[in-house]
Amino acid sequence: MTIRRRRASRLRVTHRAHVAGAELVELAVLAREAGVARPVAGRFVALGLLEPVEGGAGRSLFPRNAAARLASAARLRRDLGLNYAGAVLACELLERIEELERRLESGATETGERGQDVIVPPSLPDDAR
């Protein structure tokens, strides 16, 4: 019984580090927080959904806030029947859409390919439609 307690306590211990204010955790912790199995999380890492940060002793650590991205990909896979690569692509596209919407709402400019500024108005005037 004592051996089991020691093993259980070791499993709960996570290697934590702080880089630029973000807490880093191991993949097993991230998977648990996202509500997915460890092998599923590993597959998403292999496909590039999450970028590991090298921890001590060759361990890969991940920002704790990446659990939301992992959970989102798992939901897309489960609810829409996407394969792993499709879920990763969908997450990337959704994040890009959110970024563009934030830029649009803030009235930010974006430099086009030819070097000119392109300003997209929040709504088109009636005569431009």
N, C-alpha and C. Protein backbone atom coordinates (compact mmCIF):
# COMPACT_ATOMS: atom_id res chain seq x y z
N MET A 1 0.82 -1.19 0.00
CA MET A 1 0.00 0.00 0.00
C MET A 1 0.87 1.26 0.00
N THR A 2 1.95 1.24 0.71
CA THR A 2 2.85 2.39 0.75
C THR A 2 3.45 2.65 -0.62
N ILE A 3 3.76 1.59 -1.36
CA ILE A 3 4.33 1.76 -2.69
C ILE A 3 3.36 2.47 -3.61
N ARG A 4 2.09 2.10 -3.54
CA ARG A 4 1.10 2.76 -4.38
C ARG A 4 1.00 4.25 -4.07
N ARG A 5 1.05 4.59 -2.82
CA ARG A 5 0.97 6.00 -2.46
C ARG A 5 2.16 6.77 -3.00
N ARG A 6 3.31 6.18 -2.95
CA ARG A 6 4.49 6.86 -3.48
C ARG A 6 4.36 7.05 -4.99
N ARG A 7 3.90 6.04 -5.67
CA ARG A 7 3.72 6.18 -7.12
C ARG A 7 2.69 7.24 -7.45
N ALA A 8 1.59 7.22 -6.73
CA ALA A 8 0.54 8.21 -7.00
C ALA A 8 1.05 9.62 -6.76
N SER A 9 1.82 9.81 -5.70
CA SER A 9 2.32 11.15 -5.43
C SER A 9 3.33 11.58 -6.49
N ARG A 10 4.09 10.65 -7.03
CA ARG A 10 5.03 11.00 -8.10
C ARG A 10 4.29 11.40 -9.36
N LEU A 11 3.16 10.77 -9.63
CA LEU A 11 2.41 11.11 -10.83
C LEU A 11 1.83 12.52 -10.75
N ARG A 12 1.50 12.96 -9.55
CA ARG A 12 0.91 14.28 -9.40
C ARG A 12 1.95 15.40 -9.48
N VAL A 13 3.19 15.07 -9.27
CA VAL A 13 4.24 16.09 -9.31
C VAL A 13 4.50 16.46 -10.76
N THR A 14 4.47 17.74 -11.04
CA THR A 14 4.75 18.19 -12.40
C THR A 14 5.95 19.11 -12.36
N HIS A 15 6.68 19.10 -13.42
CA HIS A 15 7.82 19.99 -13.54
C HIS A 15 7.29 21.31 -14.07
N ARG A 16 7.42 22.33 -13.26
CA ARG A 16 6.88 23.63 -13.64
C ARG A 16 8.02 24.61 -13.83
N ALA A 17 7.87 25.43 -14.81
CA ALA A 17 8.85 26.48 -15.07
C ALA A 17 8.09 27.68 -15.57
N HIS A 18 8.67 28.83 -15.45
CA HIS A 18 8.03 30.05 -15.92
C HIS A 18 8.91 30.69 -16.99
N VAL A 19 8.33 30.89 -18.16
CA VAL A 19 9.01 31.57 -19.25
C VAL A 19 8.07 32.67 -19.71
N ALA A 20 8.53 33.90 -19.60
CA ALA A 20 7.73 35.07 -20.00
C ALA A 20 6.36 35.05 -19.35
N GLY A 21 6.29 34.63 -18.10
CA GLY A 21 5.05 34.65 -17.35
C GLY A 21 4.14 33.46 -17.57
N ALA A 22 4.45 32.56 -18.49
CA ALA A 22 3.60 31.41 -18.76
C ALA A 22 4.11 30.20 -18.00
N GLU A 23 3.21 29.55 -17.29
CA GLU A 23 3.58 28.35 -16.56
C GLU A 23 3.69 27.19 -17.55
N LEU A 24 4.74 26.40 -17.43
CA LEU A 24 4.97 25.27 -18.33
C LEU A 24 4.69 23.98 -17.59
N VAL A 25 4.05 23.04 -18.29
CA VAL A 25 3.70 21.75 -17.71
C VAL A 25 4.03 20.64 -18.70
N GLU A 26 4.08 19.43 -18.20
CA GLU A 26 4.32 18.27 -19.06
C GLU A 26 3.07 17.94 -19.87
N LEU A 27 3.26 17.16 -20.91
CA LEU A 27 2.15 16.82 -21.81
C LEU A 27 1.05 16.06 -21.08
N ALA A 28 1.41 15.19 -20.15
CA ALA A 28 0.39 14.43 -19.42
C ALA A 28 -0.53 15.35 -18.63
N VAL A 29 0.02 16.39 -18.04
CA VAL A 29 -0.79 17.36 -17.30
C VAL A 29 -1.68 18.14 -18.25
N LEU A 30 -1.11 18.55 -19.36
CA LEU A 30 -1.86 19.29 -20.36
C LEU A 30 -3.02 18.45 -20.89
N ALA A 31 -2.77 17.18 -21.17
CA ALA A 31 -3.81 16.28 -21.67
C ALA A 31 -4.92 16.13 -20.63
N ARG A 32 -4.55 15.97 -19.38
CA ARG A 32 -5.56 15.82 -18.32
C ARG A 32 -6.41 17.09 -18.22
N GLU A 33 -5.78 18.26 -18.28
CA GLU A 33 -6.53 19.51 -18.18
C GLU A 33 -7.44 19.73 -19.39
N ALA A 34 -7.04 19.22 -20.54
CA ALA A 34 -7.85 19.35 -21.76
C ALA A 34 -8.92 18.27 -21.85
N GLY A 35 -8.81 17.25 -21.00
CA GLY A 35 -9.79 16.17 -21.01
C GLY A 35 -9.59 15.17 -22.13
N VAL A 36 -8.34 14.99 -22.57
CA VAL A 36 -8.05 14.02 -23.62
C VAL A 36 -7.02 13.01 -23.11
N ALA A 37 -6.93 11.88 -23.77
CA ALA A 37 -5.96 10.86 -23.41
C ALA A 37 -4.56 11.32 -23.82
N ARG A 38 -3.56 10.85 -23.12
CA ARG A 38 -2.17 11.22 -23.39
C ARG A 38 -1.75 10.89 -24.82
N PRO A 39 -2.10 9.70 -25.36
CA PRO A 39 -1.72 9.41 -26.75
C PRO A 39 -2.37 10.36 -27.77
N VAL A 40 -3.58 10.80 -27.49
CA VAL A 40 -4.25 11.75 -28.39
C VAL A 40 -3.49 13.07 -28.37
N ALA A 41 -3.11 13.52 -27.18
CA ALA A 41 -2.34 14.76 -27.07
C ALA A 41 -1.01 14.63 -27.80
N GLY A 42 -0.37 13.48 -27.68
CA GLY A 42 0.89 13.23 -28.37
C GLY A 42 0.75 13.29 -29.87
N ARG A 43 -0.36 12.79 -30.36
CA ARG A 43 -0.59 12.82 -31.80
C ARG A 43 -0.77 14.25 -32.30
N PHE A 44 -1.49 15.06 -31.52
CA PHE A 44 -1.66 16.47 -31.89
C PHE A 44 -0.33 17.21 -31.86
N VAL A 45 0.53 16.87 -30.91
CA VAL A 45 1.86 17.49 -30.86
C VAL A 45 2.66 17.12 -32.11
N ALA A 46 2.59 15.85 -32.50
CA ALA A 46 3.32 15.39 -33.68
C ALA A 46 2.85 16.11 -34.95
N LEU A 47 1.59 16.52 -34.97
CA LEU A 47 1.05 17.22 -36.13
C LEU A 47 1.26 18.74 -36.07
N GLY A 48 1.85 19.21 -34.98
CA GLY A 48 2.20 20.62 -34.89
C GLY A 48 1.15 21.52 -34.25
N LEU A 49 0.12 20.94 -33.63
CA LEU A 49 -0.88 21.77 -32.98
C LEU A 49 -0.27 22.52 -31.80
N LEU A 50 0.61 21.86 -31.07
CA LEU A 50 1.26 22.45 -29.90
C LEU A 50 2.76 22.43 -30.11
N GLU A 51 3.42 23.51 -29.74
CA GLU A 51 4.87 23.60 -29.85
C GLU A 51 5.50 23.38 -28.47
N PRO A 52 6.28 22.33 -28.31
CA PRO A 52 6.91 22.11 -27.00
C PRO A 52 8.07 23.07 -26.77
N VAL A 53 8.31 23.33 -25.51
CA VAL A 53 9.46 24.12 -25.08
C VAL A 53 10.36 23.15 -24.34
N GLU A 54 11.63 23.12 -24.67
CA GLU A 54 12.52 22.16 -24.03
C GLU A 54 12.65 22.47 -22.55
N GLY A 55 12.41 21.47 -21.74
CA GLY A 55 12.59 21.58 -20.30
C GLY A 55 13.90 20.94 -19.91
N GLY A 56 14.13 20.82 -18.64
CA GLY A 56 15.35 20.19 -18.17
C GLY A 56 15.34 18.71 -18.46
N ALA A 57 16.51 18.13 -18.60
CA ALA A 57 16.70 16.69 -18.82
C ALA A 57 15.99 16.19 -20.08
N GLY A 58 15.94 17.03 -21.12
CA GLY A 58 15.37 16.60 -22.39
C GLY A 58 13.86 16.47 -22.40
N ARG A 59 13.19 16.95 -21.37
CA ARG A 59 11.73 16.85 -21.32
C ARG A 59 11.10 18.00 -22.08
N SER A 60 10.01 17.72 -22.73
CA SER A 60 9.27 18.76 -23.43
C SER A 60 8.18 19.30 -22.51
N LEU A 61 8.13 20.60 -22.41
CA LEU A 61 7.11 21.26 -21.60
C LEU A 61 6.27 22.14 -22.51
N PHE A 62 5.05 22.43 -22.05
CA PHE A 62 4.10 23.20 -22.84
C PHE A 62 3.49 24.28 -21.97
N PRO A 63 3.14 25.41 -22.56
CA PRO A 63 2.45 26.44 -21.78
C PRO A 63 1.11 25.88 -21.29
N ARG A 64 0.78 26.16 -20.06
CA ARG A 64 -0.46 25.62 -19.48
C ARG A 64 -1.68 26.10 -20.27
N ASN A 65 -1.65 27.29 -20.82
CA ASN A 65 -2.81 27.80 -21.55
C ASN A 65 -3.02 27.08 -22.88
N ALA A 66 -2.10 26.21 -23.29
CA ALA A 66 -2.28 25.43 -24.52
C ALA A 66 -3.34 24.34 -24.35
N ALA A 67 -3.77 24.10 -23.11
CA ALA A 67 -4.82 23.10 -22.87
C ALA A 67 -6.11 23.49 -23.59
N ALA A 68 -6.39 24.78 -23.68
CA ALA A 68 -7.60 25.23 -24.37
C ALA A 68 -7.54 24.88 -25.86
N ARG A 69 -6.37 25.08 -26.45
CA ARG A 69 -6.21 24.76 -27.88
C ARG A 69 -6.34 23.25 -28.10
N LEU A 70 -5.76 22.47 -27.22
CA LEU A 70 -5.84 21.02 -27.31
C LEU A 70 -7.28 20.55 -27.16
N ALA A 71 -8.00 21.11 -26.20
CA ALA A 71 -9.40 20.73 -25.99
C ALA A 71 -10.25 21.12 -27.20
N SER A 72 -9.97 22.27 -27.78
CA SER A 72 -10.71 22.72 -28.95
C SER A 72 -10.51 21.75 -30.13
N ALA A 73 -9.28 21.34 -30.36
CA ALA A 73 -9.00 20.40 -31.45
C ALA A 73 -9.69 19.06 -31.20
N ALA A 74 -9.68 18.62 -29.95
CA ALA A 74 -10.33 17.35 -29.62
C ALA A 74 -11.84 17.45 -29.83
N ARG A 75 -12.45 18.59 -29.48
CA ARG A 75 -13.89 18.77 -29.71
C ARG A 75 -14.22 18.79 -31.19
N LEU A 76 -13.40 19.48 -31.99
CA LEU A 76 -13.63 19.51 -33.43
C LEU A 76 -13.56 18.10 -34.00
N ARG A 77 -12.60 17.35 -33.54
CA ARG A 77 -12.43 15.97 -34.01
C ARG A 77 -13.64 15.12 -33.64
N ARG A 78 -14.06 15.25 -32.37
CA ARG A 78 -15.18 14.44 -31.87
C ARG A 78 -16.51 14.88 -32.47
N ASP A 79 -16.79 16.18 -32.42
CA ASP A 79 -18.12 16.67 -32.81
C ASP A 79 -18.34 16.72 -34.31
N LEU A 80 -17.30 17.03 -35.07
CA LEU A 80 -17.45 17.13 -36.52
C LEU A 80 -16.92 15.93 -37.28
N GLY A 81 -16.31 15.00 -36.55
CA GLY A 81 -15.79 13.79 -37.20
C GLY A 81 -14.56 14.04 -38.03
N LEU A 82 -13.81 15.10 -37.72
CA LEU A 82 -12.59 15.39 -38.46
C LEU A 82 -11.47 14.43 -38.06
N ASN A 83 -10.55 14.18 -38.97
CA ASN A 83 -9.38 13.42 -38.59
C ASN A 83 -8.42 14.36 -37.86
N TYR A 84 -7.31 13.83 -37.36
CA TYR A 84 -6.39 14.65 -36.57
C TYR A 84 -5.86 15.85 -37.36
N ALA A 85 -5.42 15.61 -38.58
CA ALA A 85 -4.88 16.70 -39.39
C ALA A 85 -5.95 17.75 -39.69
N GLY A 86 -7.17 17.31 -39.94
CA GLY A 86 -8.27 18.23 -40.19
C GLY A 86 -8.59 19.08 -38.96
N ALA A 87 -8.51 18.49 -37.79
CA ALA A 87 -8.77 19.23 -36.55
C ALA A 87 -7.68 20.28 -36.32
N VAL A 88 -6.43 19.93 -36.63
CA VAL A 88 -5.33 20.89 -36.50
C VAL A 88 -5.54 22.05 -37.46
N LEU A 89 -5.85 21.74 -38.71
CA LEU A 89 -6.10 22.78 -39.71
C LEU A 89 -7.27 23.66 -39.31
N ALA A 90 -8.35 23.07 -38.84
CA ALA A 90 -9.52 23.84 -38.42
C ALA A 90 -9.17 24.78 -37.27
N CYS A 91 -8.38 24.31 -36.32
CA CYS A 91 -7.95 25.17 -35.20
C CYS A 91 -7.13 26.35 -35.70
N GLU A 92 -6.22 26.08 -36.60
CA GLU A 92 -5.39 27.15 -37.15
C GLU A 92 -6.24 28.18 -37.89
N LEU A 93 -7.20 27.71 -38.67
CA LEU A 93 -8.06 28.63 -39.41
C LEU A 93 -8.96 29.43 -38.48
N LEU A 94 -9.49 28.79 -37.44
CA LEU A 94 -10.33 29.50 -36.49
C LEU A 94 -9.53 30.58 -35.75
N GLU A 95 -8.29 30.26 -35.39
CA GLU A 95 -7.45 31.25 -34.72
C GLU A 95 -7.12 32.41 -35.66
N ARG A 96 -6.90 32.12 -36.92
CA ARG A 96 -6.63 33.16 -37.90
C ARG A 96 -7.85 34.07 -38.08
N ILE A 97 -9.03 33.48 -38.13
CA ILE A 97 -10.26 34.26 -38.24
C ILE A 97 -10.42 35.17 -37.03
N GLU A 98 -10.18 34.65 -35.83
CA GLU A 98 -10.28 35.46 -34.62
C GLU A 98 -9.29 36.62 -34.65
N GLU A 99 -8.07 36.35 -35.12
CA GLU A 99 -7.05 37.39 -35.22
C GLU A 99 -7.49 38.49 -36.19
N LEU A 100 -8.00 38.08 -37.34
CA LEU A 100 -8.46 39.06 -38.33
C LEU A 100 -9.65 39.86 -37.82
N GLU A 101 -10.54 39.22 -37.09
CA GLU A 101 -11.68 39.95 -36.53
C GLU A 101 -11.22 40.98 -35.50
N ARG A 102 -10.22 40.62 -34.69
CA ARG A 102 -9.68 41.58 -33.71
C ARG A 102 -9.06 42.77 -34.42
N ARG A 103 -8.31 42.49 -35.48
CA ARG A 103 -7.71 43.58 -36.26
C ARG A 103 -8.77 44.48 -36.87
N LEU A 104 -9.79 43.87 -37.40
CA LEU A 104 -10.86 44.62 -38.04
C LEU A 104 -11.58 45.50 -37.03
N GLU A 105 -11.87 44.97 -35.86
CA GLU A 105 -12.56 45.73 -34.82
C GLU A 105 -11.70 46.88 -34.30
N SER A 106 -10.40 46.68 -34.24
CA SER A 106 -9.53 47.74 -33.73
C SER A 106 -9.15 48.75 -34.81
N GLY A 107 -9.53 48.48 -36.06
CA GLY A 107 -9.21 49.40 -37.15
C GLY A 107 -7.74 49.36 -37.53
N ALA A 108 -7.07 48.28 -37.22
CA ALA A 108 -5.65 48.15 -37.52
C ALA A 108 -5.42 48.05 -39.02
N THR A 109 -4.24 48.47 -39.45
CA THR A 109 -3.87 48.36 -40.86
C THR A 109 -2.97 47.16 -41.04
N GLU A 110 -2.97 46.66 -42.23
CA GLU A 110 -2.12 45.52 -42.57
C GLU A 110 -1.36 45.88 -43.84
N THR A 111 -0.08 45.58 -43.86
CA THR A 111 0.72 45.87 -45.04
C THR A 111 0.47 44.79 -46.08
N GLY A 112 0.11 45.23 -47.28
CA GLY A 112 -0.15 44.30 -48.37
C GLY A 112 1.15 43.78 -48.96
N GLU A 113 1.07 42.90 -49.97
CA GLU A 113 2.25 42.32 -50.60
C GLU A 113 3.11 43.37 -51.28
N ARG A 114 2.48 44.39 -51.82
CA ARG A 114 3.22 45.40 -52.56
C ARG A 114 3.73 46.52 -51.67
N GLY A 115 3.53 46.41 -50.36
CA GLY A 115 4.05 47.41 -49.45
C GLY A 115 3.09 48.54 -49.13
N GLN A 116 1.89 48.54 -49.68
CA GLN A 116 0.95 49.60 -49.34
C GLN A 116 0.07 49.16 -48.19
N ASP A 117 -0.42 50.12 -47.44
CA ASP A 117 -1.31 49.83 -46.33
C ASP A 117 -2.70 49.58 -46.87
N VAL A 118 -3.33 48.56 -46.34
CA VAL A 118 -4.68 48.21 -46.73
C VAL A 118 -5.55 48.38 -45.49
N ILE A 119 -6.54 49.25 -45.57
CA ILE A 119 -7.44 49.46 -44.44
C ILE A 119 -8.80 48.92 -44.85
N VAL A 120 -9.31 48.01 -44.05
CA VAL A 120 -10.60 47.40 -44.33
C VAL A 120 -11.62 48.05 -43.42
N PRO A 121 -12.63 48.73 -43.96
CA PRO A 121 -13.64 49.37 -43.10
C PRO A 121 -14.51 48.31 -42.44
N PRO A 122 -15.04 48.61 -41.24
CA PRO A 122 -15.90 47.64 -40.56
C PRO A 122 -17.17 47.34 -41.34
N SER A 123 -17.69 48.31 -42.08
CA SER A 123 -18.86 48.05 -42.93
C SER A 123 -18.75 48.92 -44.17
N LEU A 124 -19.26 48.40 -45.26
CA LEU A 124 -19.22 49.13 -46.53
C LEU A 124 -20.37 50.12 -46.59
N PRO A 125 -20.15 51.29 -47.18
CA PRO A 125 -21.26 52.24 -47.37
C PRO A 125 -22.27 51.66 -48.36
N ASP A 126 -23.50 52.14 -48.29
CA ASP A 126 -24.57 51.63 -49.14
C ASP A 126 -24.27 51.75 -50.63
N ASP A 127 -23.60 52.84 -51.05
CA ASP A 127 -23.34 53.03 -52.47
C ASP A 127 -22.23 52.11 -52.99
N ALA A 128 -21.44 51.49 -52.11
CA ALA A 128 -20.36 50.60 -52.54
C ALA A 128 -20.83 49.17 -52.72
N ARG A 129 -22.05 48.89 -52.30
CA ARG A 129 -22.56 47.51 -52.38
C ARG A 129 -23.11 47.18 -53.70
